[in-house]
Amino acid sequence: MDVFTKIAQAIAQRRGSDASQITPETRFDELQLDSLDVAELIMELEDEFSITIDMAQLGATVGDLVNLVNEARK
């Protein structure tokens, strides 16, 4: 499973929605995720991928988060 799919599923599970409605261009505010939700999501992803994500570098979209995860995995 690729990084985007894992992130979309984690977001969908957190929101109780369908992951297929989430795209890389989807903004966190469109998903009604507040800063605490995003922080918890990032902690979950850090555990999942055994990485550290710098929240200061996080942009506004799911694609931005995917890029951060991919960079951290290198």
PDB file of N, CA and C in Angstrom:
ATOM      1  N   MET A   1       0.844  -1.174   0.000  1.00  0.00           N
ATOM      2  CA  MET A   1       0.000   0.000   0.000  1.00  0.00           C
ATOM      3  C   MET A   1       0.899   1.250   0.000  1.00  0.00           C
ATOM      4  N   ASP A   2       0.580   2.205  -0.859  1.00  0.00           N
ATOM      5  CA  ASP A   2       1.411   3.399  -0.953  1.00  0.00           C
ATOM      6  C   ASP A   2       1.100   4.393   0.171  1.00  0.00           C
ATOM      7  N   VAL A   3       1.962   5.395   0.297  1.00  0.00           N
ATOM      8  CA  VAL A   3       1.850   6.366   1.384  1.00  0.00           C
ATOM      9  C   VAL A   3       0.534   7.130   1.311  1.00  0.00           C
ATOM     10  N   PHE A   4       0.161   7.606   0.121  1.00  0.00           N
ATOM     11  CA  PHE A   4      -1.086   8.359  -0.001  1.00  0.00           C
ATOM     12  C   PHE A   4      -2.282   7.538   0.468  1.00  0.00           C
ATOM     13  N   THR A   5      -2.350   6.284   0.059  1.00  0.00           N
ATOM     14  CA  THR A   5      -3.481   5.427   0.439  1.00  0.00           C
ATOM     15  C   THR A   5      -3.545   5.257   1.949  1.00  0.00           C
ATOM     16  N   LYS A   6      -2.397   5.038   2.592  1.00  0.00           N
ATOM     17  CA  LYS A   6      -2.372   4.886   4.053  1.00  0.00           C
ATOM     18  C   LYS A   6      -2.838   6.160   4.744  1.00  0.00           C
ATOM     19  N   ILE A   7      -2.382   7.304   4.238  1.00  0.00           N
ATOM     20  CA  ILE A   7      -2.777   8.571   4.836  1.00  0.00           C
ATOM     21  C   ILE A   7      -4.267   8.810   4.628  1.00  0.00           C
ATOM     22  N   ALA A   8      -4.759   8.574   3.414  1.00  0.00           N
ATOM     23  CA  ALA A   8      -6.187   8.775   3.125  1.00  0.00           C
ATOM     24  C   ALA A   8      -7.042   7.877   4.009  1.00  0.00           C
ATOM     25  N   GLN A   9      -6.621   6.633   4.207  1.00  0.00           N
ATOM     26  CA  GLN A   9      -7.375   5.722   5.067  1.00  0.00           C
ATOM     27  C   GLN A   9      -7.351   6.179   6.516  1.00  0.00           C
ATOM     28  N   ALA A  10      -6.207   6.679   6.980  1.00  0.00           N
ATOM     29  CA  ALA A  10      -6.107   7.164   8.360  1.00  0.00           C
ATOM     30  C   ALA A  10      -7.019   8.373   8.570  1.00  0.00           C
ATOM     31  N   ILE A  11      -7.053   9.265   7.588  1.00  0.00           N
ATOM     32  CA  ILE A  11      -7.928  10.439   7.676  1.00  0.00           C
ATOM     33  C   ILE A  11      -9.387  10.005   7.654  1.00  0.00           C
ATOM     34  N   ALA A  12      -9.724   9.125   6.737  1.00  0.00           N
ATOM     35  CA  ALA A  12     -11.110   8.667   6.615  1.00  0.00           C
ATOM     36  C   ALA A  12     -11.576   7.983   7.893  1.00  0.00           C
ATOM     37  N   GLN A  13     -10.710   7.179   8.474  1.00  0.00           N
ATOM     38  CA  GLN A  13     -11.064   6.500   9.716  1.00  0.00           C
ATOM     39  C   GLN A  13     -11.297   7.518  10.835  1.00  0.00           C
ATOM     40  N   ARG A  14     -10.445   8.528  10.893  1.00  0.00           N
ATOM     41  CA  ARG A  14     -10.559   9.571  11.920  1.00  0.00           C
ATOM     42  C   ARG A  14     -11.860  10.352  11.751  1.00  0.00           C
ATOM     43  N   ARG A  15     -12.276  10.558  10.502  1.00  0.00           N
ATOM     44  CA  ARG A  15     -13.478  11.347  10.207  1.00  0.00           C
ATOM     45  C   ARG A  15     -14.733  10.496  10.072  1.00  0.00           C
ATOM     46  N   GLY A  16     -14.576   9.183   9.942  1.00  0.00           N
ATOM     47  CA  GLY A  16     -15.727   8.324   9.711  1.00  0.00           C
ATOM     48  C   GLY A  16     -16.289   8.513   8.319  1.00  0.00           C
ATOM     49  N   SER A  17     -15.393   8.675   7.344  1.00  0.00           N
ATOM     50  CA  SER A  17     -15.815   8.915   5.966  1.00  0.00           C
ATOM     51  C   SER A  17     -15.135   7.937   5.024  1.00  0.00           C
ATOM     52  N   ASP A  18     -15.315   8.161   3.728  1.00  0.00           N
ATOM     53  CA  ASP A  18     -14.786   7.282   2.695  1.00  0.00           C
ATOM     54  C   ASP A  18     -13.451   7.818   2.172  1.00  0.00           C
ATOM     55  N   ALA A  19     -12.431   6.986   2.194  1.00  0.00           N
ATOM     56  CA  ALA A  19     -11.093   7.407   1.754  1.00  0.00           C
ATOM     57  C   ALA A  19     -11.061   7.760   0.271  1.00  0.00           C
ATOM     58  N   SER A  20     -11.967   7.217  -0.511  1.00  0.00           N
ATOM     59  CA  SER A  20     -11.953   7.483  -1.953  1.00  0.00           C
ATOM     60  C   SER A  20     -12.307   8.938  -2.274  1.00  0.00           C
ATOM     61  N   GLN A  21     -12.844   9.657  -1.320  1.00  0.00           N
ATOM     62  CA  GLN A  21     -13.198  11.061  -1.540  1.00  0.00           C
ATOM     63  C   GLN A  21     -12.038  12.005  -1.231  1.00  0.00           C
ATOM     64  N   ILE A  22     -10.919  11.449  -0.778  1.00  0.00           N
ATOM     65  CA  ILE A  22      -9.750  12.257  -0.422  1.00  0.00           C
ATOM     66  C   ILE A  22      -8.742  12.171  -1.565  1.00  0.00           C
ATOM     67  N   THR A  23      -8.257  13.333  -2.010  1.00  0.00           N
ATOM     68  CA  THR A  23      -7.254  13.401  -3.069  1.00  0.00           C
ATOM     69  C   THR A  23      -6.020  14.122  -2.524  1.00  0.00           C
ATOM     70  N   PRO A  24      -4.904  14.069  -3.246  1.00  0.00           N
ATOM     71  CA  PRO A  24      -3.735  14.821  -2.787  1.00  0.00           C
ATOM     72  C   PRO A  24      -3.988  16.325  -2.693  1.00  0.00           C
ATOM     73  N   GLU A  25      -4.928  16.828  -3.460  1.00  0.00           N
ATOM     74  CA  GLU A  25      -5.234  18.261  -3.449  1.00  0.00           C
ATOM     75  C   GLU A  25      -6.198  18.652  -2.336  1.00  0.00           C
ATOM     76  N   THR A  26      -6.763  17.688  -1.631  1.00  0.00           N
ATOM     77  CA  THR A  26      -7.707  17.972  -0.552  1.00  0.00           C
ATOM     78  C   THR A  26      -6.989  18.720   0.563  1.00  0.00           C
ATOM     79  N   ARG A  27      -7.599  19.837   0.974  1.00  0.00           N
ATOM     80  CA  ARG A  27      -7.036  20.650   2.046  1.00  0.00           C
ATOM     81  C   ARG A  27      -7.535  20.135   3.402  1.00  0.00           C
ATOM     82  N   PHE A  28      -6.693  20.265   4.413  1.00  0.00           N
ATOM     83  CA  PHE A  28      -7.070  19.799   5.748  1.00  0.00           C
ATOM     84  C   PHE A  28      -8.311  20.518   6.264  1.00  0.00           C
ATOM     85  N   ASP A  29      -8.437  21.810   5.957  1.00  0.00           N
ATOM     86  CA  ASP A  29      -9.617  22.533   6.429  1.00  0.00           C
ATOM     87  C   ASP A  29     -10.893  22.046   5.744  1.00  0.00           C
ATOM     88  N   GLU A  30     -10.788  21.545   4.512  1.00  0.00           N
ATOM     89  CA  GLU A  30     -11.943  20.959   3.821  1.00  0.00           C
ATOM     90  C   GLU A  30     -12.396  19.678   4.520  1.00  0.00           C
ATOM     91  N   LEU A  31     -11.451  19.009   5.155  1.00  0.00           N
ATOM     92  CA  LEU A  31     -11.742  17.758   5.855  1.00  0.00           C
ATOM     93  C   LEU A  31     -12.234  18.015   7.272  1.00  0.00           C
ATOM     94  N   GLN A  32     -12.300  19.275   7.635  1.00  0.00           N
ATOM     95  CA  GLN A  32     -12.712  19.691   8.976  1.00  0.00           C
ATOM     96  C   GLN A  32     -11.796  19.089  10.042  1.00  0.00           C
ATOM     97  N   LEU A  33     -10.483  19.080   9.724  1.00  0.00           N
ATOM     98  CA  LEU A  33      -9.488  18.636  10.690  1.00  0.00           C
ATOM     99  C   LEU A  33      -8.858  19.876  11.313  1.00  0.00           C
ATOM    100  N   ASP A  34      -8.943  19.989  12.627  1.00  0.00           N
ATOM    101  CA  ASP A  34      -8.295  21.112  13.284  1.00  0.00           C
ATOM    102  C   ASP A  34      -6.838  20.759  13.571  1.00  0.00           C
ATOM    103  N   SER A  35      -6.110  21.682  14.158  1.00  0.00           N
ATOM    104  CA  SER A  35      -4.683  21.462  14.382  1.00  0.00           C
ATOM    105  C   SER A  35      -4.405  20.270  15.292  1.00  0.00           C
ATOM    106  N   LEU A  36      -5.282  20.010  16.257  1.00  0.00           N
ATOM    107  CA  LEU A  36      -5.103  18.846  17.124  1.00  0.00           C
ATOM    108  C   LEU A  36      -5.307  17.557  16.327  1.00  0.00           C
ATOM    109  N   ASP A  37      -6.311  17.528  15.474  1.00  0.00           N
ATOM    110  CA  ASP A  37      -6.545  16.350  14.627  1.00  0.00           C
ATOM    111  C   ASP A  37      -5.329  16.075  13.749  1.00  0.00           C
ATOM    112  N   VAL A  38      -4.776  17.123  13.151  1.00  0.00           N
ATOM    113  CA  VAL A  38      -3.614  16.968  12.276  1.00  0.00           C
ATOM    114  C   VAL A  38      -2.409  16.493  13.085  1.00  0.00           C
ATOM    115  N   ALA A  39      -2.217  17.040  14.281  1.00  0.00           N
ATOM    116  CA  ALA A  39      -1.098  16.614  15.135  1.00  0.00           C
ATOM    117  C   ALA A  39      -1.228  15.138  15.497  1.00  0.00           C
ATOM    118  N   GLU A  40      -2.435  14.696  15.839  1.00  0.00           N
ATOM    119  CA  GLU A  40      -2.654  13.281  16.168  1.00  0.00           C
ATOM    120  C   GLU A  40      -2.425  12.401  14.952  1.00  0.00           C
ATOM    121  N   LEU A  41      -2.843  12.869  13.779  1.00  0.00           N
ATOM    122  CA  LEU A  41      -2.619  12.123  12.540  1.00  0.00           C
ATOM    123  C   LEU A  41      -1.123  11.983  12.279  1.00  0.00           C
ATOM    124  N   ILE A  42      -0.383  13.063  12.470  1.00  0.00           N
ATOM    125  CA  ILE A  42       1.058  13.021  12.244  1.00  0.00           C
ATOM    126  C   ILE A  42       1.733  12.059  13.222  1.00  0.00           C
ATOM    127  N   MET A  43       1.328  12.069  14.474  1.00  0.00           N
ATOM    128  CA  MET A  43       1.903  11.129  15.450  1.00  0.00           C
ATOM    129  C   MET A  43       1.616   9.689  15.033  1.00  0.00           C
ATOM    130  N   GLU A  44       0.420   9.434  14.550  1.00  0.00           N
ATOM    131  CA  GLU A  44       0.054   8.094  14.069  1.00  0.00           C
ATOM    132  C   GLU A  44       0.952   7.687  12.899  1.00  0.00           C
ATOM    133  N   LEU A  45       1.170   8.608  11.966  1.00  0.00           N
ATOM    134  CA  LEU A  45       2.004   8.315  10.797  1.00  0.00           C
ATOM    135  C   LEU A  45       3.464   8.134  11.191  1.00  0.00           C
ATOM    136  N   GLU A  46       3.932   8.909  12.160  1.00  0.00           N
ATOM    137  CA  GLU A  46       5.307   8.739  12.632  1.00  0.00           C
ATOM    138  C   GLU A  46       5.497   7.338  13.201  1.00  0.00           C
ATOM    139  N   ASP A  47       4.525   6.859  13.951  1.00  0.00           N
ATOM    140  CA  ASP A  47       4.598   5.499  14.495  1.00  0.00           C
ATOM    141  C   ASP A  47       4.519   4.460  13.375  1.00  0.00           C
ATOM    142  N   GLU A  48       3.595   4.670  12.451  1.00  0.00           N
ATOM    143  CA  GLU A  48       3.370   3.725  11.345  1.00  0.00           C
ATOM    144  C   GLU A  48       4.621   3.550  10.488  1.00  0.00           C
ATOM    145  N   PHE A  49       5.279   4.663  10.174  1.00  0.00           N
ATOM    146  CA  PHE A  49       6.418   4.628   9.255  1.00  0.00           C
ATOM    147  C   PHE A  49       7.769   4.713   9.961  1.00  0.00           C
ATOM    148  N   SER A  50       7.776   4.804  11.282  1.00  0.00           N
ATOM    149  CA  SER A  50       9.019   4.934  12.067  1.00  0.00           C
ATOM    150  C   SER A  50       9.856   6.115  11.569  1.00  0.00           C
ATOM    151  N   ILE A  51       9.219   7.282  11.510  1.00  0.00           N
ATOM    152  CA  ILE A  51       9.864   8.499  11.034  1.00  0.00           C
ATOM    153  C   ILE A  51       9.546   9.647  11.989  1.00  0.00           C
ATOM    154  N   THR A  52      10.174  10.788  11.743  1.00  0.00           N
ATOM    155  CA  THR A  52       9.846  12.020  12.448  1.00  0.00           C
ATOM    156  C   THR A  52       9.440  13.048  11.401  1.00  0.00           C
ATOM    157  N   ILE A  53       8.306  13.701  11.622  1.00  0.00           N
ATOM    158  CA  ILE A  53       7.799  14.700  10.695  1.00  0.00           C
ATOM    159  C   ILE A  53       7.864  16.061  11.365  1.00  0.00           C
ATOM    160  N   ASP A  54       8.453  17.028  10.682  1.00  0.00           N
ATOM    161  CA  ASP A  54       8.535  18.397  11.186  1.00  0.00           C
ATOM    162  C   ASP A  54       7.237  19.116  10.830  1.00  0.00           C
ATOM    163  N   MET A  55       6.373  19.317  11.828  1.00  0.00           N
ATOM    164  CA  MET A  55       5.070  19.941  11.579  1.00  0.00           C
ATOM    165  C   MET A  55       5.203  21.357  11.038  1.00  0.00           C
ATOM    166  N   ALA A  56       6.327  22.014  11.296  1.00  0.00           N
ATOM    167  CA  ALA A  56       6.520  23.374  10.800  1.00  0.00           C
ATOM    168  C   ALA A  56       6.602  23.407   9.276  1.00  0.00           C
ATOM    169  N   GLN A  57       6.939  22.278   8.676  1.00  0.00           N
ATOM    170  CA  GLN A  57       7.053  22.193   7.222  1.00  0.00           C
ATOM    171  C   GLN A  57       5.759  21.734   6.552  1.00  0.00           C
ATOM    172  N   LEU A  58       4.769  21.410   7.341  1.00  0.00           N
ATOM    173  CA  LEU A  58       3.518  20.887   6.789  1.00  0.00           C
ATOM    174  C   LEU A  58       2.749  21.974   6.064  1.00  0.00           C
ATOM    175  N   GLY A  59       2.337  21.667   4.854  1.00  0.00           N
ATOM    176  CA  GLY A  59       1.521  22.592   4.080  1.00  0.00           C
ATOM    177  C   GLY A  59       0.053  22.411   4.418  1.00  0.00           C
ATOM    178  N   ALA A  60      -0.803  22.752   3.487  1.00  0.00           N
ATOM    179  CA  ALA A  60      -2.239  22.770   3.748  1.00  0.00           C
ATOM    180  C   ALA A  60      -2.998  21.605   3.129  1.00  0.00           C
ATOM    181  N   THR A  61      -2.300  20.744   2.360  1.00  0.00           N
ATOM    182  CA  THR A  61      -3.015  19.675   1.662  1.00  0.00           C
ATOM    183  C   THR A  61      -2.516  18.291   2.065  1.00  0.00           C
ATOM    184  N   VAL A  62      -3.314  17.313   1.733  1.00  0.00           N
ATOM    185  CA  VAL A  62      -2.937  15.918   1.974  1.00  0.00           C
ATOM    186  C   VAL A  62      -1.669  15.590   1.183  1.00  0.00           C
ATOM    187  N   GLY A  63      -1.570  16.105  -0.023  1.00  0.00           N
ATOM    188  CA  GLY A  63      -0.371  15.888  -0.839  1.00  0.00           C
ATOM    189  C   GLY A  63       0.882  16.424  -0.186  1.00  0.00           C
ATOM    190  N   ASP A  64       0.756  17.568   0.501  1.00  0.00           N
ATOM    191  CA  ASP A  64       1.904  18.120   1.234  1.00  0.00           C
ATOM    192  C   ASP A  64       2.366  17.146   2.312  1.00  0.00           C
ATOM    193  N   LEU A  65       1.421  16.538   3.000  1.00  0.00           N
ATOM    194  CA  LEU A  65       1.758  15.559   4.045  1.00  0.00           C
ATOM    195  C   LEU A  65       2.392  14.321   3.429  1.00  0.00           C
ATOM    196  N   VAL A  66       1.873  13.866   2.309  1.00  0.00           N
ATOM    197  CA  VAL A  66       2.460  12.711   1.607  1.00  0.00           C
ATOM    198  C   VAL A  66       3.919  13.007   1.264  1.00  0.00           C
ATOM    199  N   ASN A  67       4.177  14.206   0.739  1.00  0.00           N
ATOM    200  CA  ASN A  67       5.553  14.583   0.385  1.00  0.00           C
ATOM    201  C   ASN A  67       6.468  14.586   1.604  1.00  0.00           C
ATOM    202  N   LEU A  68       5.981  15.098   2.730  1.00  0.00           N
ATOM    203  CA  LEU A  68       6.794  15.097   3.960  1.00  0.00           C
ATOM    204  C   LEU A  68       7.120  13.682   4.417  1.00  0.00           C
ATOM    205  N   VAL A  69       6.122  12.807   4.366  1.00  0.00           N
ATOM    206  CA  VAL A  69       6.338  11.412   4.770  1.00  0.00           C
ATOM    207  C   VAL A  69       7.365  10.765   3.841  1.00  0.00           C
ATOM    208  N   ASN A  70       7.200  10.960   2.532  1.00  0.00           N
ATOM    209  CA  ASN A  70       8.145  10.372   1.580  1.00  0.00           C
ATOM    210  C   ASN A  70       9.551  10.882   1.795  1.00  0.00           C
ATOM    211  N   GLU A  71       9.714  12.180   2.070  1.00  0.00           N
ATOM    212  CA  GLU A  71      11.035  12.741   2.333  1.00  0.00           C
ATOM    213  C   GLU A  71      11.637  12.156   3.607  1.00  0.00           C
ATOM    214  N   ALA A  72      10.837  12.012   4.643  1.00  0.00           N
ATOM    215  CA  ALA A  72      11.312  11.479   5.918  1.00  0.00           C
ATOM    216  C   ALA A  72      11.712  10.005   5.815  1.00  0.00           C
ATOM    217  N   ARG A  73      11.112   9.304   4.871  1.00  0.00           N
ATOM    218  CA  ARG A  73      11.415   7.863   4.705  1.00  0.00           C
ATOM    219  C   ARG A  73      12.709   7.625   3.966  1.00  0.00           C
ATOM    220  N   LYS A  74      13.279   8.645   3.337  1.00  0.00           N
ATOM    221  CA  LYS A  74      14.524   8.467   2.550  1.00  0.00           C
ATOM    222  C   LYS A  74      15.715   8.286   3.452  1.00  0.00           C
TER     223      LYS A  74
END
